[in-house]
Amino acid sequence: MIGSEISKRYAKAFFELAGEGNNYEMFYEDLNRFSGVLASSKDLKDFFANPVFNHVEKKQIMDYLLGRIELSPLTANFLSLLVDKGRIGLLDEIVASYRDMMDKTLLRVQVSVRTAYPLSAEQQASLLKQLEEMTNKKADMSVTEEPSLLAGIVVRVGDTVYDGSIRTQLNNIRNLLGEEI
């Protein structure tokens, strides 16, 4: 819980800096790109999380990485600050908090769609349009195929889940029948 509060404070500070030039998305992409680099290497992530390595060693590795990855100077300074303060291990939480703030400011919503079958381009466009009308926000939609749903669709809009899958309906019927026996 404490980590998430700290993450929100760092994300908010960086978000406010990004807002000065209205560069929310550019700085988000920078943070996300660097977070992806850390996520792609367990050794690198473990190195930054390990207290055995001193600050100087971590700073040297960070400087090396920042020299290899094209990031804005502001983002590079922010990431260096996270290493200086021993908070680089919170980067994933910071990125998630930053994304939430950016979505609220830009009136966007994250939508996750799981289907038992592939959706055509027309179906995806129609669903996207309906979701944008329903939320009055621009929707960033990701669609994944999940055959275990049997049929139907599960849509997550922010924290709300709309479950129209056959699997869930069958489980509901099973629970209902189990209660009457």
N, C-alpha and C. Protein backbone atom coordinates (compact mmCIF):
# COMPACT_ATOMS: atom_id res chain seq x y z
N MET A 1 0.83 -1.19 0.00
CA MET A 1 0.00 0.00 0.00
C MET A 1 0.87 1.25 0.00
N ILE A 2 1.93 1.25 0.82
CA ILE A 2 2.80 2.42 0.89
C ILE A 2 3.49 2.63 -0.46
N GLY A 3 3.92 1.52 -1.09
CA GLY A 3 4.57 1.63 -2.39
C GLY A 3 3.68 2.28 -3.42
N SER A 4 2.40 1.96 -3.40
CA SER A 4 1.51 2.53 -4.41
C SER A 4 1.28 4.02 -4.16
N GLU A 5 1.26 4.45 -2.90
CA GLU A 5 1.12 5.88 -2.60
C GLU A 5 2.36 6.64 -3.06
N ILE A 6 3.52 6.07 -2.83
CA ILE A 6 4.76 6.69 -3.28
C ILE A 6 4.77 6.75 -4.81
N SER A 7 4.35 5.66 -5.44
CA SER A 7 4.31 5.61 -6.91
C SER A 7 3.40 6.69 -7.46
N LYS A 8 2.25 6.88 -6.83
CA LYS A 8 1.30 7.91 -7.29
C LYS A 8 1.91 9.30 -7.17
N ARG A 9 2.66 9.54 -6.10
CA ARG A 9 3.28 10.86 -5.94
C ARG A 9 4.32 11.12 -7.03
N TYR A 10 5.15 10.12 -7.31
CA TYR A 10 6.15 10.28 -8.38
C TYR A 10 5.46 10.45 -9.73
N ALA A 11 4.44 9.64 -9.98
CA ALA A 11 3.70 9.74 -11.25
C ALA A 11 3.05 11.11 -11.39
N LYS A 12 2.48 11.61 -10.31
CA LYS A 12 1.82 12.91 -10.35
C LYS A 12 2.81 14.03 -10.64
N ALA A 13 3.96 13.97 -10.00
CA ALA A 13 4.98 15.00 -10.23
C ALA A 13 5.44 14.98 -11.69
N PHE A 14 5.70 13.79 -12.21
CA PHE A 14 6.14 13.69 -13.61
C PHE A 14 5.01 14.09 -14.56
N PHE A 15 3.79 13.73 -14.21
CA PHE A 15 2.63 14.08 -15.03
C PHE A 15 2.46 15.60 -15.11
N GLU A 16 2.66 16.27 -13.99
CA GLU A 16 2.55 17.73 -13.99
C GLU A 16 3.62 18.37 -14.86
N LEU A 17 4.82 17.81 -14.84
CA LEU A 17 5.89 18.31 -15.73
C LEU A 17 5.52 18.09 -17.19
N ALA A 18 4.94 16.92 -17.48
CA ALA A 18 4.53 16.61 -18.85
C ALA A 18 3.43 17.56 -19.31
N GLY A 19 2.57 17.96 -18.38
CA GLY A 19 1.45 18.84 -18.70
C GLY A 19 1.89 20.25 -19.08
N GLU A 20 3.07 20.66 -18.64
CA GLU A 20 3.55 22.00 -18.97
C GLU A 20 3.68 22.20 -20.48
N GLY A 21 4.05 21.15 -21.17
CA GLY A 21 4.15 21.23 -22.63
C GLY A 21 3.07 20.42 -23.33
N ASN A 22 2.11 19.94 -22.57
CA ASN A 22 1.04 19.10 -23.10
C ASN A 22 1.61 17.88 -23.85
N ASN A 23 2.62 17.27 -23.24
CA ASN A 23 3.31 16.12 -23.83
C ASN A 23 3.02 14.83 -23.08
N TYR A 24 1.80 14.68 -22.62
CA TYR A 24 1.44 13.52 -21.81
C TYR A 24 1.80 12.20 -22.50
N GLU A 25 1.39 12.07 -23.73
CA GLU A 25 1.56 10.80 -24.44
C GLU A 25 3.02 10.52 -24.75
N MET A 26 3.78 11.54 -25.12
CA MET A 26 5.19 11.34 -25.43
C MET A 26 5.95 10.82 -24.21
N PHE A 27 5.69 11.44 -23.05
CA PHE A 27 6.38 11.02 -21.85
C PHE A 27 5.90 9.66 -21.37
N TYR A 28 4.63 9.36 -21.60
CA TYR A 28 4.13 8.03 -21.27
C TYR A 28 4.86 6.98 -22.11
N GLU A 29 4.99 7.24 -23.39
CA GLU A 29 5.69 6.30 -24.27
C GLU A 29 7.13 6.10 -23.82
N ASP A 30 7.80 7.19 -23.39
CA ASP A 30 9.16 7.07 -22.88
C ASP A 30 9.22 6.16 -21.66
N LEU A 31 8.35 6.44 -20.69
CA LEU A 31 8.33 5.62 -19.47
C LEU A 31 8.02 4.17 -19.79
N ASN A 32 7.05 3.96 -20.65
CA ASN A 32 6.64 2.61 -21.00
C ASN A 32 7.76 1.87 -21.74
N ARG A 33 8.46 2.57 -22.60
CA ARG A 33 9.57 1.95 -23.34
C ARG A 33 10.67 1.50 -22.37
N PHE A 34 11.03 2.37 -21.43
CA PHE A 34 12.08 2.00 -20.48
C PHE A 34 11.60 0.87 -19.56
N SER A 35 10.36 0.93 -19.14
CA SER A 35 9.80 -0.13 -18.32
C SER A 35 9.86 -1.47 -19.06
N GLY A 36 9.62 -1.43 -20.37
CA GLY A 36 9.72 -2.63 -21.19
C GLY A 36 11.13 -3.19 -21.24
N VAL A 37 12.11 -2.30 -21.26
CA VAL A 37 13.51 -2.74 -21.26
C VAL A 37 13.81 -3.48 -19.95
N LEU A 38 13.37 -2.92 -18.84
CA LEU A 38 13.59 -3.59 -17.55
C LEU A 38 12.85 -4.92 -17.48
N ALA A 39 11.62 -4.93 -18.00
CA ALA A 39 10.81 -6.15 -17.95
C ALA A 39 11.40 -7.26 -18.83
N SER A 40 12.10 -6.87 -19.88
CA SER A 40 12.65 -7.87 -20.80
C SER A 40 13.89 -8.56 -20.25
N SER A 41 14.46 -8.02 -19.18
CA SER A 41 15.66 -8.63 -18.60
C SER A 41 15.49 -8.81 -17.10
N LYS A 42 15.30 -10.05 -16.70
CA LYS A 42 15.14 -10.35 -15.27
C LYS A 42 16.41 -9.95 -14.52
N ASP A 43 17.56 -10.18 -15.13
CA ASP A 43 18.83 -9.83 -14.47
C ASP A 43 18.92 -8.33 -14.22
N LEU A 44 18.51 -7.55 -15.19
CA LEU A 44 18.57 -6.10 -15.06
C LEU A 44 17.61 -5.61 -13.98
N LYS A 45 16.41 -6.16 -13.99
CA LYS A 45 15.41 -5.80 -12.99
C LYS A 45 15.90 -6.19 -11.59
N ASP A 46 16.47 -7.39 -11.47
CA ASP A 46 17.00 -7.85 -10.18
C ASP A 46 18.17 -6.98 -9.73
N PHE A 47 19.00 -6.56 -10.67
CA PHE A 47 20.14 -5.70 -10.34
C PHE A 47 19.67 -4.41 -9.66
N PHE A 48 18.67 -3.74 -10.26
CA PHE A 48 18.19 -2.48 -9.69
C PHE A 48 17.47 -2.70 -8.36
N ALA A 49 16.88 -3.86 -8.16
CA ALA A 49 16.15 -4.13 -6.93
C ALA A 49 17.06 -4.60 -5.80
N ASN A 50 18.26 -5.06 -6.13
CA ASN A 50 19.16 -5.66 -5.15
C ASN A 50 19.92 -4.59 -4.36
N PRO A 51 19.76 -4.57 -3.04
CA PRO A 51 20.45 -3.57 -2.22
C PRO A 51 21.96 -3.83 -2.08
N VAL A 52 22.44 -5.00 -2.51
CA VAL A 52 23.86 -5.31 -2.43
C VAL A 52 24.66 -4.37 -3.34
N PHE A 53 24.07 -4.01 -4.49
CA PHE A 53 24.75 -3.11 -5.42
C PHE A 53 24.56 -1.68 -4.94
N ASN A 54 25.67 -0.95 -4.93
CA ASN A 54 25.59 0.41 -4.40
C ASN A 54 25.03 1.38 -5.44
N HIS A 55 24.76 2.55 -4.94
CA HIS A 55 24.14 3.60 -5.76
C HIS A 55 24.99 3.95 -6.98
N VAL A 56 26.30 4.00 -6.82
CA VAL A 56 27.20 4.38 -7.93
C VAL A 56 27.10 3.36 -9.06
N GLU A 57 27.08 2.08 -8.72
CA GLU A 57 26.97 1.04 -9.74
C GLU A 57 25.63 1.14 -10.48
N LYS A 58 24.57 1.34 -9.73
CA LYS A 58 23.24 1.46 -10.35
C LYS A 58 23.18 2.69 -11.24
N LYS A 59 23.79 3.78 -10.80
CA LYS A 59 23.79 5.01 -11.59
C LYS A 59 24.57 4.81 -12.90
N GLN A 60 25.67 4.09 -12.83
CA GLN A 60 26.47 3.82 -14.03
C GLN A 60 25.67 2.99 -15.04
N ILE A 61 24.99 1.97 -14.57
CA ILE A 61 24.18 1.14 -15.46
C ILE A 61 23.03 1.95 -16.03
N MET A 62 22.39 2.78 -15.20
CA MET A 62 21.30 3.63 -15.69
C MET A 62 21.81 4.58 -16.77
N ASP A 63 22.95 5.21 -16.53
CA ASP A 63 23.52 6.13 -17.53
C ASP A 63 23.82 5.40 -18.83
N TYR A 64 24.34 4.17 -18.72
CA TYR A 64 24.62 3.37 -19.92
C TYR A 64 23.32 3.08 -20.68
N LEU A 65 22.29 2.66 -19.95
CA LEU A 65 21.00 2.36 -20.60
C LEU A 65 20.39 3.60 -21.25
N LEU A 66 20.45 4.72 -20.54
CA LEU A 66 19.88 5.96 -21.08
C LEU A 66 20.63 6.42 -22.33
N GLY A 67 21.91 6.07 -22.43
CA GLY A 67 22.68 6.39 -23.63
C GLY A 67 22.31 5.52 -24.82
N ARG A 68 21.72 4.36 -24.55
CA ARG A 68 21.36 3.41 -25.62
C ARG A 68 19.91 3.53 -26.05
N ILE A 69 19.08 4.14 -25.21
CA ILE A 69 17.65 4.25 -25.50
C ILE A 69 17.32 5.71 -25.74
N GLU A 70 16.63 5.97 -26.80
CA GLU A 70 16.28 7.36 -27.13
C GLU A 70 15.06 7.79 -26.31
N LEU A 71 15.33 8.63 -25.32
CA LEU A 71 14.29 9.17 -24.46
C LEU A 71 14.45 10.69 -24.38
N SER A 72 13.38 11.36 -24.03
CA SER A 72 13.48 12.80 -23.83
C SER A 72 14.39 13.09 -22.64
N PRO A 73 15.06 14.23 -22.63
CA PRO A 73 15.92 14.57 -21.48
C PRO A 73 15.16 14.59 -20.16
N LEU A 74 13.91 15.06 -20.18
CA LEU A 74 13.12 15.11 -18.96
C LEU A 74 12.86 13.71 -18.42
N THR A 75 12.55 12.78 -19.31
CA THR A 75 12.31 11.39 -18.88
C THR A 75 13.60 10.77 -18.35
N ALA A 76 14.70 11.01 -19.04
CA ALA A 76 15.99 10.48 -18.58
C ALA A 76 16.33 11.01 -17.19
N ASN A 77 16.09 12.29 -16.96
CA ASN A 77 16.34 12.87 -15.63
C ASN A 77 15.43 12.26 -14.59
N PHE A 78 14.18 12.04 -14.94
CA PHE A 78 13.23 11.44 -14.02
C PHE A 78 13.66 10.02 -13.64
N LEU A 79 14.08 9.24 -14.63
CA LEU A 79 14.52 7.87 -14.36
C LEU A 79 15.79 7.87 -13.50
N SER A 80 16.68 8.82 -13.75
CA SER A 80 17.88 8.95 -12.92
C SER A 80 17.51 9.30 -11.48
N LEU A 81 16.52 10.16 -11.33
CA LEU A 81 16.03 10.52 -10.00
C LEU A 81 15.49 9.29 -9.27
N LEU A 82 14.76 8.45 -10.00
CA LEU A 82 14.24 7.22 -9.38
C LEU A 82 15.37 6.34 -8.87
N VAL A 83 16.47 6.27 -9.62
CA VAL A 83 17.62 5.49 -9.17
C VAL A 83 18.24 6.17 -7.95
N ASP A 84 18.40 7.50 -8.01
CA ASP A 84 18.98 8.24 -6.88
C ASP A 84 18.19 8.02 -5.60
N LYS A 85 16.88 7.99 -5.71
CA LYS A 85 16.01 7.86 -4.53
C LYS A 85 15.71 6.41 -4.17
N GLY A 86 16.26 5.48 -4.93
CA GLY A 86 16.01 4.06 -4.65
C GLY A 86 14.60 3.63 -4.99
N ARG A 87 13.98 4.29 -5.97
CA ARG A 87 12.57 4.01 -6.31
C ARG A 87 12.39 3.41 -7.71
N ILE A 88 13.47 3.03 -8.36
CA ILE A 88 13.35 2.50 -9.71
C ILE A 88 12.54 1.20 -9.72
N GLY A 89 12.52 0.48 -8.61
CA GLY A 89 11.73 -0.74 -8.50
C GLY A 89 10.23 -0.50 -8.56
N LEU A 90 9.82 0.75 -8.39
CA LEU A 90 8.40 1.11 -8.46
C LEU A 90 7.98 1.57 -9.85
N LEU A 91 8.86 1.44 -10.82
CA LEU A 91 8.58 2.00 -12.15
C LEU A 91 7.28 1.48 -12.75
N ASP A 92 7.00 0.20 -12.64
CA ASP A 92 5.76 -0.33 -13.22
C ASP A 92 4.53 0.33 -12.60
N GLU A 93 4.55 0.51 -11.28
CA GLU A 93 3.43 1.17 -10.60
C GLU A 93 3.34 2.64 -11.01
N ILE A 94 4.48 3.28 -11.17
CA ILE A 94 4.51 4.69 -11.59
C ILE A 94 3.91 4.82 -12.99
N VAL A 95 4.30 3.92 -13.88
CA VAL A 95 3.77 3.95 -15.25
C VAL A 95 2.25 3.75 -15.23
N ALA A 96 1.77 2.81 -14.43
CA ALA A 96 0.32 2.56 -14.35
C ALA A 96 -0.42 3.78 -13.80
N SER A 97 0.12 4.41 -12.76
CA SER A 97 -0.51 5.61 -12.20
C SER A 97 -0.50 6.75 -13.20
N TYR A 98 0.61 6.91 -13.89
CA TYR A 98 0.72 7.95 -14.91
C TYR A 98 -0.33 7.72 -16.00
N ARG A 99 -0.48 6.47 -16.42
CA ARG A 99 -1.46 6.13 -17.46
C ARG A 99 -2.88 6.47 -17.01
N ASP A 100 -3.20 6.18 -15.77
CA ASP A 100 -4.52 6.51 -15.24
C ASP A 100 -4.77 8.02 -15.29
N MET A 101 -3.78 8.79 -14.85
CA MET A 101 -3.92 10.25 -14.87
C MET A 101 -4.06 10.77 -16.30
N MET A 102 -3.27 10.21 -17.20
CA MET A 102 -3.31 10.64 -18.60
C MET A 102 -4.68 10.32 -19.21
N ASP A 103 -5.20 9.15 -18.94
CA ASP A 103 -6.50 8.76 -19.49
C ASP A 103 -7.61 9.67 -18.98
N LYS A 104 -7.57 10.00 -17.70
CA LYS A 104 -8.58 10.90 -17.14
C LYS A 104 -8.49 12.28 -17.78
N THR A 105 -7.30 12.79 -17.94
CA THR A 105 -7.10 14.12 -18.51
C THR A 105 -7.50 14.18 -19.97
N LEU A 106 -7.16 13.13 -20.72
CA LEU A 106 -7.44 13.11 -22.16
C LEU A 106 -8.79 12.47 -22.49
N LEU A 107 -9.59 12.19 -21.44
CA LEU A 107 -10.92 11.58 -21.59
C LEU A 107 -10.85 10.29 -22.41
N ARG A 108 -10.00 9.40 -21.93
CA ARG A 108 -9.87 8.08 -22.56
C ARG A 108 -10.15 7.00 -21.55
N VAL A 109 -10.50 5.83 -22.05
CA VAL A 109 -10.76 4.68 -21.19
C VAL A 109 -10.11 3.46 -21.83
N GLN A 110 -9.55 2.61 -20.98
CA GLN A 110 -8.94 1.37 -21.44
C GLN A 110 -10.00 0.28 -21.49
N VAL A 111 -10.10 -0.39 -22.62
CA VAL A 111 -11.09 -1.44 -22.80
C VAL A 111 -10.38 -2.72 -23.21
N SER A 112 -10.69 -3.77 -22.48
CA SER A 112 -10.14 -5.09 -22.77
C SER A 112 -11.30 -5.99 -23.19
N VAL A 113 -11.17 -6.62 -24.35
CA VAL A 113 -12.22 -7.49 -24.87
C VAL A 113 -11.64 -8.89 -25.03
N ARG A 114 -12.34 -9.86 -24.44
CA ARG A 114 -11.97 -11.26 -24.61
C ARG A 114 -13.12 -11.96 -25.32
N THR A 115 -12.80 -12.67 -26.37
CA THR A 115 -13.84 -13.37 -27.12
C THR A 115 -13.44 -14.82 -27.33
N ALA A 116 -14.45 -15.66 -27.53
CA ALA A 116 -14.21 -17.07 -27.80
C ALA A 116 -13.85 -17.29 -29.27
N TYR A 117 -14.08 -16.30 -30.07
CA TYR A 117 -13.87 -16.41 -31.51
C TYR A 117 -13.29 -15.09 -32.01
N PRO A 118 -12.62 -15.10 -33.15
CA PRO A 118 -12.06 -13.85 -33.66
C PRO A 118 -13.15 -12.88 -34.12
N LEU A 119 -12.95 -11.61 -33.84
CA LEU A 119 -13.89 -10.58 -34.29
C LEU A 119 -13.40 -10.01 -35.62
N SER A 120 -14.32 -9.78 -36.52
CA SER A 120 -13.96 -9.15 -37.80
C SER A 120 -13.65 -7.68 -37.54
N ALA A 121 -13.05 -7.04 -38.51
CA ALA A 121 -12.73 -5.61 -38.39
C ALA A 121 -14.01 -4.80 -38.20
N GLU A 122 -15.08 -5.19 -38.89
CA GLU A 122 -16.35 -4.48 -38.77
C GLU A 122 -16.93 -4.64 -37.36
N GLN A 123 -16.85 -5.85 -36.81
CA GLN A 123 -17.35 -6.09 -35.46
C GLN A 123 -16.56 -5.28 -34.43
N GLN A 124 -15.25 -5.24 -34.61
CA GLN A 124 -14.40 -4.47 -33.69
C GLN A 124 -14.73 -2.99 -33.77
N ALA A 125 -14.90 -2.48 -34.98
CA ALA A 125 -15.23 -1.06 -35.16
C ALA A 125 -16.58 -0.73 -34.54
N SER A 126 -17.56 -1.62 -34.74
CA SER A 126 -18.88 -1.41 -34.18
C SER A 126 -18.84 -1.42 -32.65
N LEU A 127 -18.13 -2.39 -32.09
CA LEU A 127 -18.01 -2.49 -30.63
C LEU A 127 -17.30 -1.26 -30.07
N LEU A 128 -16.25 -0.83 -30.73
CA LEU A 128 -15.51 0.36 -30.29
C LEU A 128 -16.42 1.59 -30.29
N LYS A 129 -17.19 1.74 -31.35
CA LYS A 129 -18.10 2.88 -31.45
C LYS A 129 -19.13 2.85 -30.31
N GLN A 130 -19.70 1.68 -30.05
CA GLN A 130 -20.70 1.55 -28.99
C GLN A 130 -20.09 1.85 -27.62
N LEU A 131 -18.88 1.39 -27.39
CA LEU A 131 -18.22 1.64 -26.10
C LEU A 131 -17.91 3.13 -25.92
N GLU A 132 -17.49 3.78 -26.99
CA GLU A 132 -17.20 5.22 -26.91
C GLU A 132 -18.47 6.01 -26.65
N GLU A 133 -19.57 5.61 -27.27
CA GLU A 133 -20.85 6.27 -27.02
C GLU A 133 -21.32 6.03 -25.59
N MET A 134 -21.14 4.82 -25.09
CA MET A 134 -21.57 4.47 -23.75
C MET A 134 -20.77 5.23 -22.67
N THR A 135 -19.46 5.39 -22.89
CA THR A 135 -18.60 6.02 -21.87
C THR A 135 -18.38 7.51 -22.10
N ASN A 136 -18.75 7.99 -23.27
CA ASN A 136 -18.47 9.38 -23.66
C ASN A 136 -16.97 9.69 -23.59
N LYS A 137 -16.16 8.68 -23.88
CA LYS A 137 -14.71 8.83 -23.90
C LYS A 137 -14.15 8.08 -25.10
N LYS A 138 -12.94 8.45 -25.48
CA LYS A 138 -12.24 7.71 -26.52
C LYS A 138 -11.75 6.41 -25.90
N ALA A 139 -12.03 5.31 -26.55
CA ALA A 139 -11.66 4.00 -26.01
C ALA A 139 -10.41 3.47 -26.70
N ASP A 140 -9.46 3.00 -25.88
CA ASP A 140 -8.30 2.27 -26.37
C ASP A 140 -8.62 0.79 -26.13
N MET A 141 -8.94 0.08 -27.20
CA MET A 141 -9.46 -1.28 -27.07
C MET A 141 -8.41 -2.30 -27.49
N SER A 142 -8.26 -3.33 -26.64
CA SER A 142 -7.42 -4.47 -27.00
C SER A 142 -8.33 -5.70 -27.02
N VAL A 143 -8.15 -6.53 -28.04
CA VAL A 143 -8.99 -7.71 -28.21
C VAL A 143 -8.10 -8.95 -28.16
N THR A 144 -8.50 -9.91 -27.31
CA THR A 144 -7.78 -11.18 -27.25
C THR A 144 -8.78 -12.33 -27.41
N GLU A 145 -8.29 -13.37 -28.03
CA GLU A 145 -9.11 -14.56 -28.25
C GLU A 145 -8.88 -15.54 -27.10
N GLU A 146 -9.98 -16.03 -26.53
CA GLU A 146 -9.90 -16.96 -25.41
C GLU A 146 -10.94 -18.06 -25.61
N PRO A 147 -10.55 -19.15 -26.27
CA PRO A 147 -11.50 -20.22 -26.58
C PRO A 147 -12.18 -20.83 -25.35
N SER A 148 -11.59 -20.71 -24.17
CA SER A 148 -12.19 -21.30 -22.97
C SER A 148 -13.52 -20.63 -22.60
N LEU A 149 -13.83 -19.50 -23.19
CA LEU A 149 -15.11 -18.84 -22.93
C LEU A 149 -16.27 -19.60 -23.56
N LEU A 150 -15.97 -20.53 -24.45
CA LEU A 150 -16.93 -21.35 -25.20
C LEU A 150 -17.62 -20.53 -26.29
N ALA A 151 -18.26 -19.44 -25.93
CA ALA A 151 -18.89 -18.53 -26.88
C ALA A 151 -19.16 -17.23 -26.13
N GLY A 152 -19.42 -16.18 -26.86
CA GLY A 152 -19.74 -14.92 -26.21
C GLY A 152 -18.54 -14.01 -26.08
N ILE A 153 -18.69 -13.03 -25.18
CA ILE A 153 -17.68 -11.98 -25.08
C ILE A 153 -17.63 -11.45 -23.65
N VAL A 154 -16.44 -11.06 -23.21
CA VAL A 154 -16.24 -10.42 -21.92
C VAL A 154 -15.55 -9.09 -22.18
N VAL A 155 -16.18 -8.00 -21.72
CA VAL A 155 -15.64 -6.66 -21.96
C VAL A 155 -15.34 -6.02 -20.61
N ARG A 156 -14.11 -5.54 -20.47
CA ARG A 156 -13.72 -4.80 -19.27
C ARG A 156 -13.48 -3.36 -19.67
N VAL A 157 -14.28 -2.47 -19.07
CA VAL A 157 -14.15 -1.03 -19.29
C VAL A 157 -13.69 -0.43 -17.97
N GLY A 158 -12.41 -0.08 -17.90
CA GLY A 158 -11.88 0.39 -16.63
C GLY A 158 -11.98 -0.73 -15.61
N ASP A 159 -12.74 -0.51 -14.54
CA ASP A 159 -12.90 -1.52 -13.49
C ASP A 159 -14.21 -2.30 -13.62
N THR A 160 -15.01 -2.00 -14.62
CA THR A 160 -16.31 -2.64 -14.81
C THR A 160 -16.20 -3.77 -15.82
N VAL A 161 -16.76 -4.92 -15.48
CA VAL A 161 -16.72 -6.09 -16.38
C VAL A 161 -18.13 -6.43 -16.84
N TYR A 162 -18.29 -6.56 -18.14
CA TYR A 162 -19.55 -7.01 -18.75
C TYR A 162 -19.28 -8.40 -19.30
N ASP A 163 -19.87 -9.40 -18.65
CA ASP A 163 -19.58 -10.78 -19.00
C ASP A 163 -20.77 -11.41 -19.70
N GLY A 164 -20.64 -11.60 -21.00
CA GLY A 164 -21.68 -12.25 -21.78
C GLY A 164 -21.21 -13.58 -22.32
N SER A 165 -20.29 -14.22 -21.58
CA SER A 165 -19.76 -15.49 -22.07
C SER A 165 -20.68 -16.65 -21.69
N ILE A 166 -20.69 -17.65 -22.51
CA ILE A 166 -21.49 -18.85 -22.26
C ILE A 166 -20.97 -19.56 -21.01
N ARG A 167 -19.66 -19.56 -20.83
CA ARG A 167 -19.08 -20.22 -19.66
C ARG A 167 -19.68 -19.65 -18.37
N THR A 168 -19.76 -18.34 -18.27
CA THR A 168 -20.32 -17.71 -17.06
C THR A 168 -21.80 -18.02 -16.93
N GLN A 169 -22.53 -18.00 -18.03
CA GLN A 169 -23.96 -18.31 -17.96
C GLN A 169 -24.18 -19.75 -17.51
N LEU A 170 -23.36 -20.66 -17.99
CA LEU A 170 -23.47 -22.06 -17.55
C LEU A 170 -23.14 -22.20 -16.06
N ASN A 171 -22.13 -21.49 -15.61
CA ASN A 171 -21.79 -21.52 -14.18
C ASN A 171 -22.92 -20.95 -13.34
N ASN A 172 -23.57 -19.90 -13.83
CA ASN A 172 -24.70 -19.31 -13.10
C ASN A 172 -25.86 -20.31 -13.00
N ILE A 173 -26.12 -21.01 -14.10
CA ILE A 173 -27.19 -22.02 -14.09
C ILE A 173 -26.83 -23.15 -13.14
N ARG A 174 -25.57 -23.58 -13.17
CA ARG A 174 -25.11 -24.65 -12.29
C ARG A 174 -25.28 -24.22 -10.83
N ASN A 175 -24.92 -22.99 -10.51
CA ASN A 175 -25.08 -22.51 -9.13
C ASN A 175 -26.55 -22.43 -8.72
N LEU A 176 -27.39 -21.99 -9.66
CA LEU A 176 -28.82 -21.88 -9.39
C LEU A 176 -29.43 -23.26 -9.12
N LEU A 177 -29.07 -24.23 -9.97
CA LEU A 177 -29.59 -25.58 -9.80
C LEU A 177 -29.06 -26.22 -8.51
N GLY A 178 -27.82 -25.92 -8.17
CA GLY A 178 -27.22 -26.45 -6.95
C GLY A 178 -27.91 -25.93 -5.71
N GLU A 179 -28.40 -24.71 -5.76
CA GLU A 179 -29.09 -24.13 -4.61
C GLU A 179 -30.45 -24.78 -4.39
N GLU A 180 -31.10 -25.22 -5.45
CA GLU A 180 -32.44 -25.77 -5.33
C GLU A 180 -32.43 -27.25 -4.95
N ILE A 181 -31.30 -27.89 -5.06
CA ILE A 181 -31.24 -29.32 -4.74
C ILE A 181 -31.10 -29.55 -3.26
